[in-house]
Amino acid sequence: MNQQNAESKAEARRIEQDRQNLDNTNPQAVDSFNAEVDKHNALLAQIKQETETFNDAVDKFNAELKRVGTLIK
């Protein structure tokens, strides 16, 4: 997940830079930029889903530890 977060942040910076340089009068450039944004949004949705799945697993694990007590070594 950390690598995906780093990739997402780098992509967000690139998109912001591309937004500043975007030729709004060029439909192909706008379409290309929008495709980049859509790809980035899909990555963010994937990261969010994976984070929620991980957090659910942690919550279940913590609930089980609470139920049986903390392991003693």
N, C-alpha and C. Protein backbone atom coordinates (compact mmCIF):
# COMPACT_ATOMS: atom_id res chain seq x y z
N MET A 1 0.82 -1.20 0.00
CA MET A 1 0.00 0.00 0.00
C MET A 1 0.86 1.26 0.00
N ASN A 2 2.00 1.21 0.68
CA ASN A 2 2.86 2.39 0.72
C ASN A 2 3.36 2.78 -0.66
N GLN A 3 3.70 1.76 -1.47
CA GLN A 3 4.17 2.05 -2.82
C GLN A 3 3.05 2.67 -3.64
N GLN A 4 1.83 2.15 -3.49
CA GLN A 4 0.71 2.72 -4.22
C GLN A 4 0.44 4.15 -3.79
N ASN A 5 0.56 4.42 -2.50
CA ASN A 5 0.36 5.80 -2.02
C ASN A 5 1.41 6.73 -2.61
N ALA A 6 2.65 6.27 -2.66
CA ALA A 6 3.72 7.09 -3.24
C ALA A 6 3.47 7.32 -4.73
N GLU A 7 3.05 6.27 -5.44
CA GLU A 7 2.74 6.41 -6.85
C GLU A 7 1.58 7.38 -7.06
N SER A 8 0.58 7.29 -6.20
CA SER A 8 -0.58 8.17 -6.30
C SER A 8 -0.20 9.62 -6.10
N LYS A 9 0.65 9.87 -5.12
CA LYS A 9 1.08 11.25 -4.87
C LYS A 9 1.90 11.79 -6.03
N ALA A 10 2.78 10.96 -6.59
CA ALA A 10 3.60 11.39 -7.73
C ALA A 10 2.70 11.67 -8.94
N GLU A 11 1.72 10.81 -9.13
CA GLU A 11 0.80 11.00 -10.25
C GLU A 11 -0.04 12.26 -10.06
N ALA A 12 -0.45 12.54 -8.83
CA ALA A 12 -1.23 13.75 -8.56
C ALA A 12 -0.41 15.00 -8.86
N ARG A 13 0.87 14.96 -8.52
CA ARG A 13 1.74 16.10 -8.83
C ARG A 13 1.88 16.28 -10.34
N ARG A 14 2.04 15.15 -11.06
CA ARG A 14 2.17 15.22 -12.51
C ARG A 14 0.89 15.75 -13.14
N ILE A 15 -0.25 15.30 -12.64
CA ILE A 15 -1.53 15.76 -13.17
C ILE A 15 -1.70 17.27 -12.95
N GLU A 16 -1.31 17.72 -11.78
CA GLU A 16 -1.43 19.16 -11.50
C GLU A 16 -0.54 19.97 -12.43
N GLN A 17 0.66 19.46 -12.68
CA GLN A 17 1.55 20.14 -13.61
C GLN A 17 0.96 20.12 -15.02
N ASP A 18 0.42 18.97 -15.42
CA ASP A 18 -0.21 18.87 -16.74
C ASP A 18 -1.42 19.81 -16.85
N ARG A 19 -2.15 19.96 -15.76
CA ARG A 19 -3.32 20.86 -15.76
C ARG A 19 -2.88 22.29 -16.04
N GLN A 20 -1.78 22.70 -15.46
CA GLN A 20 -1.30 24.07 -15.67
C GLN A 20 -0.84 24.30 -17.10
N ASN A 21 -0.36 23.23 -17.76
CA ASN A 21 0.14 23.35 -19.13
C ASN A 21 -0.89 22.94 -20.18
N LEU A 22 -2.08 22.59 -19.76
CA LEU A 22 -3.10 22.07 -20.66
C LEU A 22 -3.60 23.14 -21.63
N ASP A 23 -3.66 22.78 -22.90
CA ASP A 23 -4.24 23.64 -23.92
C ASP A 23 -5.73 23.32 -24.00
N ASN A 24 -6.54 24.12 -23.33
CA ASN A 24 -7.98 23.88 -23.25
C ASN A 24 -8.68 24.00 -24.60
N THR A 25 -8.00 24.56 -25.58
CA THR A 25 -8.61 24.70 -26.91
C THR A 25 -8.38 23.47 -27.78
N ASN A 26 -7.59 22.53 -27.30
CA ASN A 26 -7.27 21.32 -28.06
C ASN A 26 -8.07 20.15 -27.47
N PRO A 27 -9.12 19.72 -28.17
CA PRO A 27 -9.97 18.64 -27.64
C PRO A 27 -9.20 17.35 -27.37
N GLN A 28 -8.21 17.04 -28.20
CA GLN A 28 -7.42 15.82 -27.98
C GLN A 28 -6.59 15.92 -26.72
N ALA A 29 -6.04 17.10 -26.47
CA ALA A 29 -5.25 17.30 -25.25
C ALA A 29 -6.15 17.20 -24.02
N VAL A 30 -7.35 17.76 -24.12
CA VAL A 30 -8.29 17.69 -23.00
C VAL A 30 -8.70 16.25 -22.75
N ASP A 31 -8.99 15.50 -23.82
CA ASP A 31 -9.36 14.09 -23.68
C ASP A 31 -8.24 13.28 -23.04
N SER A 32 -7.03 13.54 -23.48
CA SER A 32 -5.86 12.84 -22.93
C SER A 32 -5.70 13.16 -21.45
N PHE A 33 -5.84 14.43 -21.11
CA PHE A 33 -5.73 14.84 -19.71
C PHE A 33 -6.83 14.18 -18.87
N ASN A 34 -8.06 14.19 -19.39
CA ASN A 34 -9.17 13.57 -18.66
C ASN A 34 -8.94 12.08 -18.46
N ALA A 35 -8.32 11.42 -19.43
CA ALA A 35 -8.00 10.00 -19.30
C ALA A 35 -6.99 9.79 -18.17
N GLU A 36 -6.01 10.70 -18.06
CA GLU A 36 -5.04 10.63 -16.96
C GLU A 36 -5.75 10.76 -15.61
N VAL A 37 -6.66 11.71 -15.53
CA VAL A 37 -7.40 11.94 -14.29
C VAL A 37 -8.26 10.72 -13.95
N ASP A 38 -8.91 10.13 -14.95
CA ASP A 38 -9.72 8.94 -14.72
C ASP A 38 -8.86 7.78 -14.21
N LYS A 39 -7.69 7.61 -14.80
CA LYS A 39 -6.77 6.55 -14.35
C LYS A 39 -6.35 6.80 -12.91
N HIS A 40 -6.05 8.04 -12.59
CA HIS A 40 -5.65 8.39 -11.22
C HIS A 40 -6.79 8.13 -10.24
N ASN A 41 -7.99 8.51 -10.63
CA ASN A 41 -9.15 8.28 -9.75
C ASN A 41 -9.40 6.79 -9.53
N ALA A 42 -9.17 5.99 -10.56
CA ALA A 42 -9.32 4.54 -10.41
C ALA A 42 -8.29 3.99 -9.43
N LEU A 43 -7.06 4.50 -9.51
CA LEU A 43 -6.02 4.08 -8.56
C LEU A 43 -6.41 4.47 -7.14
N LEU A 44 -6.93 5.67 -6.98
CA LEU A 44 -7.35 6.11 -5.64
C LEU A 44 -8.47 5.23 -5.10
N ALA A 45 -9.41 4.84 -5.96
CA ALA A 45 -10.50 3.97 -5.53
C ALA A 45 -9.96 2.61 -5.12
N GLN A 46 -8.98 2.11 -5.86
CA GLN A 46 -8.36 0.82 -5.51
C GLN A 46 -7.65 0.91 -4.17
N ILE A 47 -6.89 1.99 -3.97
CA ILE A 47 -6.18 2.17 -2.70
C ILE A 47 -7.18 2.26 -1.55
N LYS A 48 -8.26 2.99 -1.76
CA LYS A 48 -9.28 3.12 -0.72
C LYS A 48 -9.87 1.76 -0.36
N GLN A 49 -10.19 0.96 -1.37
CA GLN A 49 -10.77 -0.36 -1.13
C GLN A 49 -9.78 -1.26 -0.39
N GLU A 50 -8.53 -1.26 -0.82
CA GLU A 50 -7.52 -2.08 -0.15
C GLU A 50 -7.30 -1.62 1.29
N THR A 51 -7.33 -0.32 1.52
CA THR A 51 -7.17 0.21 2.87
C THR A 51 -8.34 -0.21 3.75
N GLU A 52 -9.56 -0.14 3.21
CA GLU A 52 -10.73 -0.56 3.98
C GLU A 52 -10.68 -2.04 4.31
N THR A 53 -10.25 -2.85 3.35
CA THR A 53 -10.13 -4.29 3.58
C THR A 53 -9.09 -4.57 4.66
N PHE A 54 -7.96 -3.90 4.57
CA PHE A 54 -6.91 -4.06 5.59
C PHE A 54 -7.41 -3.63 6.96
N ASN A 55 -8.06 -2.48 7.03
CA ASN A 55 -8.56 -1.99 8.31
C ASN A 55 -9.61 -2.92 8.90
N ASP A 56 -10.46 -3.50 8.06
CA ASP A 56 -11.44 -4.48 8.54
C ASP A 56 -10.74 -5.69 9.15
N ALA A 57 -9.68 -6.17 8.50
CA ALA A 57 -8.93 -7.31 9.02
C ALA A 57 -8.28 -6.96 10.36
N VAL A 58 -7.74 -5.76 10.48
CA VAL A 58 -7.13 -5.32 11.74
C VAL A 58 -8.20 -5.24 12.84
N ASP A 59 -9.35 -4.69 12.49
CA ASP A 59 -10.44 -4.60 13.48
C ASP A 59 -10.86 -5.99 13.96
N LYS A 60 -10.97 -6.95 13.04
CA LYS A 60 -11.34 -8.31 13.41
C LYS A 60 -10.27 -8.94 14.29
N PHE A 61 -9.01 -8.74 13.93
CA PHE A 61 -7.91 -9.26 14.72
C PHE A 61 -7.92 -8.67 16.12
N ASN A 62 -8.10 -7.36 16.21
CA ASN A 62 -8.13 -6.70 17.52
C ASN A 62 -9.31 -7.17 18.36
N ALA A 63 -10.45 -7.39 17.72
CA ALA A 63 -11.62 -7.90 18.45
C ALA A 63 -11.34 -9.30 18.99
N GLU A 64 -10.67 -10.11 18.19
CA GLU A 64 -10.33 -11.46 18.66
C GLU A 64 -9.33 -11.40 19.81
N LEU A 65 -8.34 -10.52 19.71
CA LEU A 65 -7.40 -10.36 20.83
C LEU A 65 -8.13 -9.92 22.09
N LYS A 66 -9.06 -9.01 21.94
CA LYS A 66 -9.82 -8.55 23.09
C LYS A 66 -10.65 -9.69 23.69
N ARG A 67 -11.18 -10.55 22.80
CA ARG A 67 -12.01 -11.65 23.26
C ARG A 67 -11.21 -12.70 24.01
N VAL A 68 -10.02 -13.06 23.49
CA VAL A 68 -9.25 -14.13 24.10
C VAL A 68 -8.13 -13.62 25.00
N GLY A 69 -7.87 -12.36 24.95
CA GLY A 69 -6.77 -11.80 25.73
C GLY A 69 -5.52 -11.68 24.89
N THR A 70 -4.65 -10.80 25.29
CA THR A 70 -3.40 -10.58 24.56
C THR A 70 -2.50 -11.78 24.72
N LEU A 71 -1.84 -12.17 23.62
CA LEU A 71 -0.93 -13.30 23.67
C LEU A 71 0.24 -13.01 24.60
N ILE A 72 0.62 -14.00 25.37
CA ILE A 72 1.75 -13.87 26.28
C ILE A 72 2.83 -14.83 25.80
N LYS A 73 4.04 -14.34 25.65
CA LYS A 73 5.15 -15.19 25.21
C LYS A 73 6.10 -15.44 26.34
